[in-house]
Amino acid sequence: MQTIPSTLNATYWLHFGLTVLSWFIPFLFDWRLVLCAYSIVLLQFVVFGGCLMNRGHALDDAENDHTFYAHLLENAGISVNRSKVKNFVRSWLYVVLGSVTVLWQVILGHNALLF
């Protein structure tokens, strides 16, 4: 019987689910909740120097700039510059997603689908 590698534990799948969800929440939840969620993610990068969920599935983002996004892309066979991916995710990704949220809901006047 095969055992699941320690990197594919419940934290890994939770992290994967939250990562996928982060791309859709601009359309699902009220913009105020979305901006709070993205702010919390960015704040963890500043306060803890990395993603707390990475530690739960043995992904050391301090070593070789190995972020969860780089991990997913590399496992999909896409070669990436880990440093650039880390910089984009930790500096711009959630700002861009937050901007999409405000544009979609506040400026264009679309309602959130769920809350």
C-alpha atoms as a PDB file:
ATOM      1  CA  MET A   1       0.000   0.000   0.000  1.00  0.00           C
ATOM      2  CA  GLN A   2       1.341   3.406  -1.013  1.00  0.00           C
ATOM      3  CA  THR A   3       1.527   6.151   1.542  1.00  0.00           C
ATOM      4  CA  ILE A   4       0.810   9.752   0.726  1.00  0.00           C
ATOM      5  CA  PRO A   5       3.999  11.841   0.731  1.00  0.00           C
ATOM      6  CA  SER A   6       4.178  14.233   3.654  1.00  0.00           C
ATOM      7  CA  THR A   7       4.041  17.146   1.215  1.00  0.00           C
ATOM      8  CA  LEU A   8       0.575  16.010   0.085  1.00  0.00           C
ATOM      9  CA  ASN A   9      -1.129  16.157   3.460  1.00  0.00           C
ATOM     10  CA  ALA A  10      -4.358  17.911   4.419  1.00  0.00           C
ATOM     11  CA  THR A  11      -2.574  21.260   4.686  1.00  0.00           C
ATOM     12  CA  TYR A  12      -1.355  20.886   1.110  1.00  0.00           C
ATOM     13  CA  TRP A  13      -4.884  20.320  -0.187  1.00  0.00           C
ATOM     14  CA  LEU A  14      -6.291  23.145   1.945  1.00  0.00           C
ATOM     15  CA  HIS A  15      -3.566  25.416   0.593  1.00  0.00           C
ATOM     16  CA  PHE A  16      -4.350  24.310  -2.953  1.00  0.00           C
ATOM     17  CA  GLY A  17      -8.067  24.957  -2.445  1.00  0.00           C
ATOM     18  CA  LEU A  18      -7.474  28.406  -0.958  1.00  0.00           C
ATOM     19  CA  THR A  19      -5.076  29.269  -3.766  1.00  0.00           C
ATOM     20  CA  VAL A  20      -7.650  28.348  -6.398  1.00  0.00           C
ATOM     21  CA  LEU A  21     -10.381  30.139  -4.458  1.00  0.00           C
ATOM     22  CA  SER A  22      -8.273  33.309  -4.245  1.00  0.00           C
ATOM     23  CA  TRP A  23      -8.662  33.713  -8.005  1.00  0.00           C
ATOM     24  CA  PHE A  24     -12.470  33.555  -7.810  1.00  0.00           C
ATOM     25  CA  ILE A  25     -13.318  35.444  -4.631  1.00  0.00           C
ATOM     26  CA  PRO A  26     -13.407  38.838  -6.417  1.00  0.00           C
ATOM     27  CA  PHE A  27     -16.647  37.599  -7.949  1.00  0.00           C
ATOM     28  CA  LEU A  28     -18.007  35.571  -5.032  1.00  0.00           C
ATOM     29  CA  PHE A  29     -17.709  37.759  -1.938  1.00  0.00           C
ATOM     30  CA  ASP A  30     -18.310  41.391  -1.065  1.00  0.00           C
ATOM     31  CA  TRP A  31     -15.349  43.564  -1.952  1.00  0.00           C
ATOM     32  CA  ARG A  32     -14.767  44.561   1.689  1.00  0.00           C
ATOM     33  CA  LEU A  33     -14.342  40.909   2.731  1.00  0.00           C
ATOM     34  CA  VAL A  34     -12.103  40.226  -0.240  1.00  0.00           C
ATOM     35  CA  LEU A  35      -9.815  43.157   0.505  1.00  0.00           C
ATOM     36  CA  CYS A  36      -9.585  42.027   4.144  1.00  0.00           C
ATOM     37  CA  ALA A  37      -8.667  38.486   3.078  1.00  0.00           C
ATOM     38  CA  TYR A  38      -6.007  39.676   0.632  1.00  0.00           C
ATOM     39  CA  SER A  39      -4.629  42.081   3.248  1.00  0.00           C
ATOM     40  CA  ILE A  40      -4.275  39.216   5.740  1.00  0.00           C
ATOM     41  CA  VAL A  41      -2.370  37.171   3.161  1.00  0.00           C
ATOM     42  CA  LEU A  42      -0.019  40.067   2.421  1.00  0.00           C
ATOM     43  CA  LEU A  43       0.387  40.788   6.116  1.00  0.00           C
ATOM     44  CA  GLN A  44       1.540  37.223   6.818  1.00  0.00           C
ATOM     45  CA  PHE A  45       4.301  37.672   4.227  1.00  0.00           C
ATOM     46  CA  VAL A  46       5.502  40.802   6.028  1.00  0.00           C
ATOM     47  CA  VAL A  47       5.116  39.606   9.622  1.00  0.00           C
ATOM     48  CA  PHE A  48       6.223  35.980   9.248  1.00  0.00           C
ATOM     49  CA  GLY A  49       8.518  36.343   6.233  1.00  0.00           C
ATOM     50  CA  GLY A  50       6.591  33.786   4.227  1.00  0.00           C
ATOM     51  CA  CYS A  51       3.463  31.748   3.858  1.00  0.00           C
ATOM     52  CA  LEU A  52       2.451  29.918   7.014  1.00  0.00           C
ATOM     53  CA  MET A  53       0.689  27.153   5.073  1.00  0.00           C
ATOM     54  CA  ASN A  54       3.926  26.260   3.251  1.00  0.00           C
ATOM     55  CA  ARG A  55       5.352  25.141   6.564  1.00  0.00           C
ATOM     56  CA  GLY A  56       2.417  22.778   7.062  1.00  0.00           C
ATOM     57  CA  HIS A  57       3.360  20.708   4.043  1.00  0.00           C
ATOM     58  CA  ALA A  58       7.146  20.902   4.226  1.00  0.00           C
ATOM     59  CA  LEU A  59       7.653  23.529   1.521  1.00  0.00           C
ATOM     60  CA  ASP A  60      10.487  25.771   2.625  1.00  0.00           C
ATOM     61  CA  ASP A  61       9.896  29.059   0.839  1.00  0.00           C
ATOM     62  CA  ALA A  62      13.005  30.578   2.427  1.00  0.00           C
ATOM     63  CA  GLU A  63      15.133  28.052   0.555  1.00  0.00           C
ATOM     64  CA  ASN A  64      15.619  28.742  -3.150  1.00  0.00           C
ATOM     65  CA  ASP A  65      12.504  30.982  -3.304  1.00  0.00           C
ATOM     66  CA  HIS A  66      10.333  27.850  -3.473  1.00  0.00           C
ATOM     67  CA  THR A  67       6.791  29.245  -3.179  1.00  0.00           C
ATOM     68  CA  PHE A  68       3.584  27.268  -3.514  1.00  0.00           C
ATOM     69  CA  TYR A  69       2.894  28.861  -6.911  1.00  0.00           C
ATOM     70  CA  ALA A  70       6.372  27.858  -8.155  1.00  0.00           C
ATOM     71  CA  HIS A  71       5.788  24.373  -6.752  1.00  0.00           C
ATOM     72  CA  LEU A  72       2.485  24.008  -8.617  1.00  0.00           C
ATOM     73  CA  LEU A  73       3.866  25.375 -11.884  1.00  0.00           C
ATOM     74  CA  GLU A  74       6.968  23.178 -11.748  1.00  0.00           C
ATOM     75  CA  ASN A  75       4.868  20.088 -11.001  1.00  0.00           C
ATOM     76  CA  ALA A  76       2.814  20.974 -14.085  1.00  0.00           C
ATOM     77  CA  GLY A  77       6.046  20.896 -16.118  1.00  0.00           C
ATOM     78  CA  ILE A  78       6.407  24.669 -16.432  1.00  0.00           C
ATOM     79  CA  SER A  79       9.901  25.966 -15.772  1.00  0.00           C
ATOM     80  CA  VAL A  80       9.805  29.233 -13.805  1.00  0.00           C
ATOM     81  CA  ASN A  81      12.181  31.713 -12.285  1.00  0.00           C
ATOM     82  CA  ARG A  82      11.346  31.106  -8.623  1.00  0.00           C
ATOM     83  CA  SER A  83      12.629  34.491  -7.511  1.00  0.00           C
ATOM     84  CA  LYS A  84      10.374  36.332  -9.974  1.00  0.00           C
ATOM     85  CA  VAL A  85       7.366  34.191  -9.064  1.00  0.00           C
ATOM     86  CA  LYS A  86       7.976  34.827  -5.357  1.00  0.00           C
ATOM     87  CA  ASN A  87       8.337  38.570  -5.938  1.00  0.00           C
ATOM     88  CA  PHE A  88       5.142  38.711  -8.015  1.00  0.00           C
ATOM     89  CA  VAL A  89       3.070  36.692  -5.563  1.00  0.00           C
ATOM     90  CA  ARG A  90       4.349  38.489  -2.478  1.00  0.00           C
ATOM     91  CA  SER A  91       4.231  41.991  -3.982  1.00  0.00           C
ATOM     92  CA  TRP A  92       1.686  42.226  -6.789  1.00  0.00           C
ATOM     93  CA  LEU A  93      -0.672  39.289  -7.158  1.00  0.00           C
ATOM     94  CA  TYR A  94      -3.049  40.152  -4.333  1.00  0.00           C
ATOM     95  CA  VAL A  95      -2.895  43.861  -5.171  1.00  0.00           C
ATOM     96  CA  VAL A  96      -3.943  43.017  -8.735  1.00  0.00           C
ATOM     97  CA  LEU A  97      -6.708  40.676  -7.520  1.00  0.00           C
ATOM     98  CA  GLY A  98      -7.887  43.332  -5.065  1.00  0.00           C
ATOM     99  CA  SER A  99      -7.969  45.867  -7.884  1.00  0.00           C
ATOM    100  CA  VAL A 100     -10.008  43.470 -10.022  1.00  0.00           C
ATOM    101  CA  THR A 101     -12.414  43.117  -7.096  1.00  0.00           C
ATOM    102  CA  VAL A 102     -12.894  46.869  -6.725  1.00  0.00           C
ATOM    103  CA  LEU A 103     -13.199  47.331 -10.494  1.00  0.00           C
ATOM    104  CA  TRP A 104     -15.773  44.543 -10.842  1.00  0.00           C
ATOM    105  CA  GLN A 105     -17.928  45.329  -7.818  1.00  0.00           C
ATOM    106  CA  VAL A 106     -17.503  49.017  -7.010  1.00  0.00           C
ATOM    107  CA  ILE A 107     -16.768  50.636 -10.359  1.00  0.00           C
ATOM    108  CA  LEU A 108     -18.740  48.347 -12.674  1.00  0.00           C
ATOM    109  CA  GLY A 109     -21.464  47.761 -10.072  1.00  0.00           C
ATOM    110  CA  HIS A 110     -21.663  43.958 -10.145  1.00  0.00           C
ATOM    111  CA  ASN A 111     -22.912  42.252  -7.008  1.00  0.00           C
ATOM    112  CA  ALA A 112     -20.971  39.464  -5.337  1.00  0.00           C
ATOM    113  CA  LEU A 113     -22.470  36.085  -6.165  1.00  0.00           C
ATOM    114  CA  LEU A 114     -22.468  34.743  -2.597  1.00  0.00           C
ATOM    115  CA  PHE A 115     -21.982  37.347   0.112  1.00  0.00           C
END
